Amino acid sequence: MFSTASDNNKCKSMMRTFLMLVTTSITSTYLAPAYAADLLENPVIEDSVVRLADIFSGTAEKGNEIVMQAPEPGKRLVVTSYELDRLAKAYELDWERPVYLKRIYLQREGEAFTLDDLEPIIKGLLQENGVHSDVEIKLYGRQSGHYLPVGYSVEDITWKSFTLSDRKDRFIAVIEVPTGDVIPNELRLTGSIQEVSLMPVLNRMITPGEIITKSDISWEKQPTRQINRNSIVSSQQLIGQTVSRALQVGSPLRTNDIATPVMIEKGAFVTMTFQQGALLLSVEGRALDDGGKGDIIRVMNSKSKQSLEAKVISPSTVEVQSSAFQQVATR
């Protein structure tokens, strides 16, 4: 049997169709990306490196591939659309960048700490350098914005150097903050030191004439260098007393801030007493001054109109401290 021209054309057409199908199949097998991927929204990193799965989903076994260094703890890294395209192509991801996409941000999580969190460690270093008294530390510099890697604490911070001034009132420290990588970050700290002492203060507003009780007293740390002979250093100096004027709550107290409550008012009738051995003399008088218990005030004999000084003993009694009482009492 002989084939016709029409049969030959038909065979050629079928062959071309078969070849096209085979070519398309081969091209799909070797050129099409192997993974259908999606870009993650708001990627967050905990490690010191960024892996493919931190940026794209659907990366299968390639997701563990390290693609770049992560930012420092608490900071973020900008990844441009160009870099995203490069990653998708390099790892054969079936991902098409949206037209509007310009960049993404990779945020690295961290454990926040402040300079105040370092105070216990600094106090330990001060003790190692001969500072054993109770001290107050003031650190200079940015308080917030410091981070450690996830799972770390301030106990993981190490000290590279610590220098104390000759007067032991200032220091310079260089600390090494872990980053989760081999190389830590160095942070330079400067601060001042002052010795402090616990001092009694008033914890509420007291008006003149109001008696101070134990519950009105709290204790606060104050710079030791500010304490002098006029400072109130004991609660016994306050209990049973009053204030000479309105004072700010929690402020340091001086002896002239405190007064003895008035027990005898000026013009009040009192009993003037004098005792010497078994002899006890008394006479009626009138107070010429206000006076609290233990105060020395002027009093006047009601009969003789003579005045002299006496010590306040009770709300109605004063004690003459001079033998002159005998003369006044007999006139």
Protein backbone atom coordinates (compact mmCIF):
# COMPACT_ATOMS: atom_id res chain seq x y z
CA MET A 1 0.00 0.00 0.00
CA PHE A 2 1.31 3.41 -0.91
CA SER A 3 0.82 6.57 1.21
CA THR A 4 -0.55 9.67 -0.30
CA ALA A 5 0.67 13.26 0.13
CA SER A 6 -2.31 13.92 2.36
CA ASP A 7 -1.30 11.09 4.67
CA ASN A 8 2.25 12.41 4.84
CA ASN A 9 1.08 15.88 5.81
CA LYS A 10 -1.16 14.41 8.47
CA CYS A 11 1.73 12.43 9.99
CA LYS A 12 3.97 15.47 9.97
CA SER A 13 1.31 17.50 11.79
CA MET A 14 0.90 14.82 14.46
CA MET A 15 4.67 14.64 14.93
CA ARG A 16 4.92 18.40 15.39
CA THR A 17 2.15 18.29 18.01
CA PHE A 18 3.91 15.45 19.89
CA LEU A 19 7.22 17.29 19.86
CA MET A 20 5.57 20.44 21.21
CA LEU A 21 4.01 18.48 24.07
CA VAL A 22 7.31 16.80 24.90
CA THR A 23 9.18 20.13 24.78
CA THR A 24 6.62 21.80 27.02
CA SER A 25 6.84 18.91 29.49
CA ILE A 26 10.62 19.05 29.59
CA THR A 27 10.62 22.81 29.98
CA SER A 28 8.14 22.57 32.85
CA THR A 29 10.20 19.90 34.52
CA TYR A 30 13.50 21.75 34.42
CA LEU A 31 12.62 25.43 34.39
CA ALA A 32 9.51 25.92 36.55
CA PRO A 33 10.08 26.74 40.25
CA ALA A 34 9.67 23.74 42.53
CA TYR A 35 7.91 25.53 45.44
CA ALA A 36 4.79 27.71 45.55
CA ALA A 37 5.60 30.34 48.20
CA ASP A 38 3.93 33.28 49.89
CA LEU A 39 5.55 36.27 51.55
CA LEU A 40 5.00 36.30 55.33
CA GLU A 41 3.33 39.34 56.88
CA ASN A 42 5.32 41.23 59.53
CA PRO A 43 8.17 38.69 59.86
CA VAL A 44 9.66 38.43 63.36
CA ILE A 45 13.09 36.91 64.02
CA GLU A 46 14.43 35.44 67.27
CA ASP A 47 17.74 34.02 66.05
CA SER A 48 20.95 35.81 65.05
CA VAL A 49 20.45 34.72 61.42
CA VAL A 50 17.55 34.94 58.98
CA ARG A 51 16.37 31.73 57.35
CA LEU A 52 14.31 31.40 54.19
CA ALA A 53 11.27 30.26 56.17
CA ASP A 54 11.44 33.50 58.19
CA ILE A 55 10.48 35.41 55.03
CA PHE A 56 8.51 32.99 52.85
CA SER A 57 6.01 30.25 53.61
CA GLY A 58 5.85 27.04 51.60
CA THR A 59 9.61 26.63 51.39
CA ALA A 60 9.60 22.98 52.54
CA GLU A 61 13.07 21.58 53.27
CA LYS A 62 14.73 24.73 51.94
CA GLY A 63 13.16 26.80 54.69
CA ASN A 64 16.10 26.17 57.02
CA GLU A 65 18.59 27.75 54.61
CA ILE A 66 20.36 30.81 56.08
CA VAL A 67 19.90 33.76 53.74
CA MET A 68 21.25 36.74 55.70
CA GLN A 69 22.41 38.04 59.09
CA ALA A 70 19.64 39.12 61.47
CA PRO A 71 19.56 42.63 62.96
CA GLU A 72 20.56 43.18 66.59
CA PRO A 73 17.98 42.26 69.25
CA GLY A 74 15.17 44.82 69.39
CA LYS A 75 16.04 46.30 65.97
CA ARG A 76 14.74 45.77 62.44
CA LEU A 77 16.24 45.13 59.01
CA VAL A 78 15.01 46.50 55.68
CA VAL A 79 14.73 43.96 52.84
CA THR A 80 14.10 45.53 49.45
CA SER A 81 11.91 44.08 46.70
CA TYR A 82 15.08 43.49 44.67
CA GLU A 83 16.48 41.27 47.42
CA LEU A 84 13.18 39.40 47.67
CA ASP A 85 13.24 38.71 43.92
CA ARG A 86 16.81 37.52 44.19
CA LEU A 87 15.96 35.12 47.01
CA ALA A 88 12.92 33.73 45.20
CA LYS A 89 14.99 33.08 42.08
CA ALA A 90 17.98 31.63 43.94
CA TYR A 91 15.83 29.14 45.83
CA GLU A 92 13.40 28.43 42.95
CA LEU A 93 10.33 29.76 44.71
CA ASP A 94 7.10 30.19 42.77
CA TRP A 95 6.53 33.73 43.95
CA GLU A 96 5.66 36.86 42.02
CA ARG A 97 6.32 40.19 43.63
CA PRO A 98 3.28 42.48 43.87
CA VAL A 99 3.73 45.70 41.91
CA TYR A 100 3.10 47.86 44.97
CA LEU A 101 5.71 46.09 47.13
CA LYS A 102 8.86 48.15 47.67
CA ARG A 103 10.32 46.67 50.84
CA ILE A 104 9.59 44.65 53.97
CA TYR A 105 10.91 44.92 57.52
CA LEU A 106 12.34 42.06 59.54
CA GLN A 107 11.91 42.74 63.25
CA ARG A 108 14.12 40.89 65.71
CA GLU A 109 12.63 40.24 69.13
CA GLY A 110 14.65 40.85 72.29
CA GLU A 111 14.57 41.09 76.07
CA ALA A 112 14.47 44.79 77.00
CA PHE A 113 16.55 46.08 79.90
CA THR A 114 17.40 49.50 81.34
CA LEU A 115 20.58 50.82 82.92
CA ASP A 116 18.87 50.64 86.32
CA ASP A 117 18.68 46.85 85.89
CA LEU A 118 22.48 46.81 86.03
CA GLU A 119 22.66 48.47 89.47
CA PRO A 120 22.98 45.24 91.52
CA ILE A 121 25.93 44.15 89.38
CA ILE A 122 27.59 47.56 89.71
CA LYS A 123 27.21 47.45 93.49
CA GLY A 124 28.97 44.09 93.49
CA LEU A 125 31.84 45.57 91.50
CA LEU A 126 32.03 48.51 93.92
CA GLN A 127 32.38 46.14 96.86
CA GLU A 128 35.19 44.36 95.03
CA ASN A 129 36.86 47.77 94.75
CA GLY A 130 36.57 48.63 98.44
CA VAL A 131 33.22 50.46 98.58
CA HIS A 132 31.32 48.66 101.35
CA SER A 133 28.91 51.33 102.62
CA ASP A 134 25.35 51.78 101.43
CA VAL A 135 25.57 53.84 98.26
CA GLU A 136 23.25 55.33 95.68
CA ILE A 137 24.26 54.93 92.05
CA LYS A 138 23.35 57.27 89.22
CA LEU A 139 24.00 56.08 85.68
CA TYR A 140 24.32 58.53 82.80
CA GLY A 141 23.20 57.83 79.27
CA ARG A 142 20.23 56.38 77.41
CA GLN A 143 18.10 54.46 79.89
CA SER A 144 15.85 52.57 77.48
CA GLY A 145 16.33 50.99 74.06
CA HIS A 146 18.72 48.25 75.23
CA TYR A 147 17.97 44.63 74.31
CA LEU A 148 19.27 41.15 74.92
CA PRO A 149 18.54 38.12 72.71
CA VAL A 150 15.42 36.14 73.53
CA GLY A 151 16.10 33.84 76.48
CA TYR A 152 18.94 35.98 77.89
CA SER A 153 18.96 38.10 81.07
CA VAL A 154 21.18 40.80 82.60
CA GLU A 155 23.08 38.01 84.41
CA ASP A 156 24.48 37.08 80.97
CA ILE A 157 26.10 40.51 80.60
CA THR A 158 29.84 40.48 81.28
CA TRP A 159 32.15 43.33 82.32
CA LYS A 160 35.16 44.08 80.22
CA SER A 161 36.56 46.85 82.43
CA PHE A 162 35.68 48.86 85.53
CA THR A 163 37.51 51.99 86.69
CA LEU A 164 36.80 53.77 89.97
CA SER A 165 37.94 57.34 90.66
CA ASP A 166 40.42 58.03 93.46
CA ARG A 167 37.67 59.67 95.53
CA LYS A 168 35.44 56.67 94.84
CA ASP A 169 32.61 58.90 93.74
CA ARG A 170 32.64 58.20 89.98
CA PHE A 171 33.22 55.20 87.74
CA ILE A 172 33.58 54.15 84.11
CA ALA A 173 32.56 50.66 83.02
CA VAL A 174 32.63 48.83 79.69
CA ILE A 175 30.15 45.98 79.44
CA GLU A 176 29.68 43.28 76.82
CA VAL A 177 26.05 42.68 75.88
CA PRO A 178 25.29 39.31 74.21
CA THR A 179 23.84 39.45 70.70
CA GLY A 180 23.26 35.73 70.22
CA ASP A 181 26.25 35.73 67.88
CA VAL A 182 29.95 35.18 68.57
CA ILE A 183 30.77 38.89 68.93
CA PRO A 184 28.94 40.83 71.71
CA ASN A 185 28.15 44.53 71.66
CA GLU A 186 30.23 46.80 73.88
CA LEU A 187 28.43 49.44 75.95
CA ARG A 188 30.32 52.17 77.82
CA LEU A 189 28.76 53.37 81.07
CA THR A 190 29.61 56.33 83.30
CA GLY A 191 28.08 57.04 86.67
CA SER A 192 28.37 58.70 90.05
CA ILE A 193 28.30 57.22 93.55
CA GLN A 194 27.26 58.76 96.83
CA GLU A 195 27.00 57.25 100.28
CA VAL A 196 23.47 57.32 101.70
CA SER A 197 21.92 56.89 105.15
CA LEU A 198 18.38 56.10 106.26
CA MET A 199 16.76 59.19 107.71
CA PRO A 200 13.32 59.76 109.29
CA VAL A 201 10.85 61.85 107.28
CA LEU A 202 7.19 62.77 107.67
CA ASN A 203 4.87 60.73 105.46
CA ARG A 204 1.90 63.12 105.67
CA MET A 205 1.24 66.81 106.08
CA ILE A 206 1.48 67.88 109.75
CA THR A 207 0.10 71.23 110.90
CA PRO A 208 1.78 73.25 113.67
CA GLY A 209 0.42 72.12 117.02
CA GLU A 210 -0.44 68.61 115.76
CA ILE A 211 1.41 65.88 117.63
CA ILE A 212 3.73 63.64 115.59
CA THR A 213 3.25 59.90 116.18
CA LYS A 214 5.23 56.85 115.12
CA SER A 215 2.82 56.16 112.22
CA ASP A 216 3.60 59.62 110.78
CA ILE A 217 7.26 58.66 110.24
CA SER A 218 8.84 56.88 107.28
CA TRP A 219 12.48 56.22 106.43
CA GLU A 220 14.20 57.34 103.26
CA LYS A 221 17.74 57.29 101.96
CA GLN A 222 19.50 60.64 101.89
CA PRO A 223 23.07 61.58 100.92
CA THR A 224 25.29 61.14 103.97
CA ARG A 225 27.34 64.23 103.05
CA GLN A 226 24.24 66.38 103.58
CA ILE A 227 23.78 65.24 107.20
CA ASN A 228 25.05 67.60 109.91
CA ARG A 229 24.47 68.37 113.58
CA ASN A 230 21.19 70.12 112.75
CA SER A 231 19.74 67.06 110.99
CA ILE A 232 16.98 64.96 112.54
CA VAL A 233 18.44 61.45 112.55
CA SER A 234 16.20 59.60 115.03
CA SER A 235 12.47 58.99 115.30
CA GLN A 236 12.74 59.83 119.01
CA GLN A 237 13.46 63.40 117.99
CA LEU A 238 10.06 63.51 116.30
CA ILE A 239 7.59 61.44 118.31
CA GLY A 240 5.52 63.64 120.61
CA GLN A 241 6.72 66.82 118.90
CA THR A 242 5.08 69.08 116.34
CA VAL A 243 6.26 71.13 113.39
CA SER A 244 7.20 74.79 113.58
CA ARG A 245 5.83 75.39 110.08
CA ALA A 246 4.23 73.50 107.19
CA LEU A 247 6.73 71.02 105.70
CA GLN A 248 6.82 69.13 102.42
CA VAL A 249 6.11 65.43 102.84
CA GLY A 250 9.29 63.34 102.61
CA SER A 251 11.69 66.29 102.85
CA PRO A 252 14.84 66.14 105.05
CA LEU A 253 14.18 67.44 108.56
CA ARG A 254 16.24 69.92 110.58
CA THR A 255 16.00 70.69 114.29
CA ASN A 256 14.46 74.09 113.61
CA ASP A 257 11.63 72.37 111.68
CA ILE A 258 10.46 70.69 114.89
CA ALA A 259 8.94 72.32 117.95
CA THR A 260 7.62 71.17 121.31
CA PRO A 261 3.79 71.28 121.44
CA VAL A 262 2.43 74.11 123.58
CA MET A 263 1.43 72.71 126.97
CA ILE A 264 0.91 76.03 128.73
CA GLU A 265 -0.42 79.02 126.84
CA LYS A 266 0.52 82.60 127.57
CA GLY A 267 -1.80 84.09 130.20
CA ALA A 268 -2.80 80.73 131.70
CA PHE A 269 -2.87 80.32 135.50
CA VAL A 270 -0.26 77.86 136.76
CA THR A 271 1.09 76.50 140.02
CA MET A 272 4.67 77.59 140.59
CA THR A 273 6.61 75.04 142.64
CA PHE A 274 10.05 74.91 144.20
CA GLN A 275 11.54 71.91 145.91
CA GLN A 276 14.76 71.67 147.86
CA GLY A 277 15.24 68.46 149.79
CA ALA A 278 12.10 67.79 151.80
CA LEU A 279 10.97 71.38 151.44
CA LEU A 280 8.24 71.97 148.83
CA LEU A 281 6.90 75.45 148.20
CA SER A 282 4.12 76.42 145.81
CA VAL A 283 2.31 79.58 144.80
CA GLU A 284 -0.18 80.62 142.14
CA GLY A 285 1.10 82.44 139.10
CA ARG A 286 0.40 83.37 135.52
CA ALA A 287 2.36 82.32 132.40
CA LEU A 288 3.95 85.16 130.47
CA ASP A 289 4.98 82.94 127.52
CA ASP A 290 3.74 79.89 125.60
CA GLY A 291 5.65 76.78 126.55
CA GLY A 292 5.85 73.06 125.85
CA LYS A 293 6.93 70.35 128.23
CA GLY A 294 10.50 70.99 129.32
CA ASP A 295 10.56 74.55 128.00
CA ILE A 296 11.76 77.41 130.20
CA ILE A 297 9.18 80.20 130.27
CA ARG A 298 8.59 83.39 132.24
CA VAL A 299 5.92 83.27 134.92
CA MET A 300 4.60 85.93 137.30
CA ASN A 301 3.66 85.54 140.99
CA SER A 302 0.00 86.54 141.18
CA LYS A 303 0.42 88.18 144.58
CA SER A 304 3.78 89.91 144.35
CA LYS A 305 3.65 90.56 140.59
CA GLN A 306 7.29 89.48 140.47
CA SER A 307 8.37 87.43 137.42
CA LEU A 308 10.98 84.70 137.09
CA GLU A 309 11.85 81.74 134.87
CA ALA A 310 10.39 78.27 135.38
CA LYS A 311 10.37 74.91 133.61
CA VAL A 312 7.10 73.54 132.25
CA ILE A 313 6.27 70.27 134.01
CA SER A 314 2.60 69.71 133.14
CA PRO A 315 -0.34 71.68 131.65
CA SER A 316 -0.82 73.49 134.97
CA THR A 317 2.53 73.24 136.76
CA VAL A 318 5.89 74.89 136.38
CA GLU A 319 9.02 74.33 138.43
CA VAL A 320 11.18 77.24 139.45
CA GLN A 321 14.83 76.49 138.92
CA SER A 322 16.26 79.24 141.17
CA SER A 323 16.30 79.88 144.90
CA ALA A 324 14.92 83.29 144.03
CA PHE A 325 11.51 81.59 144.26
CA GLN A 326 11.76 81.81 148.04
CA GLN A 327 12.08 85.53 147.84
CA VAL A 328 9.27 85.91 145.35
CA ALA A 329 6.96 83.54 147.21
CA THR A 330 7.31 85.43 150.50
CA ARG A 331 6.72 88.91 149.16
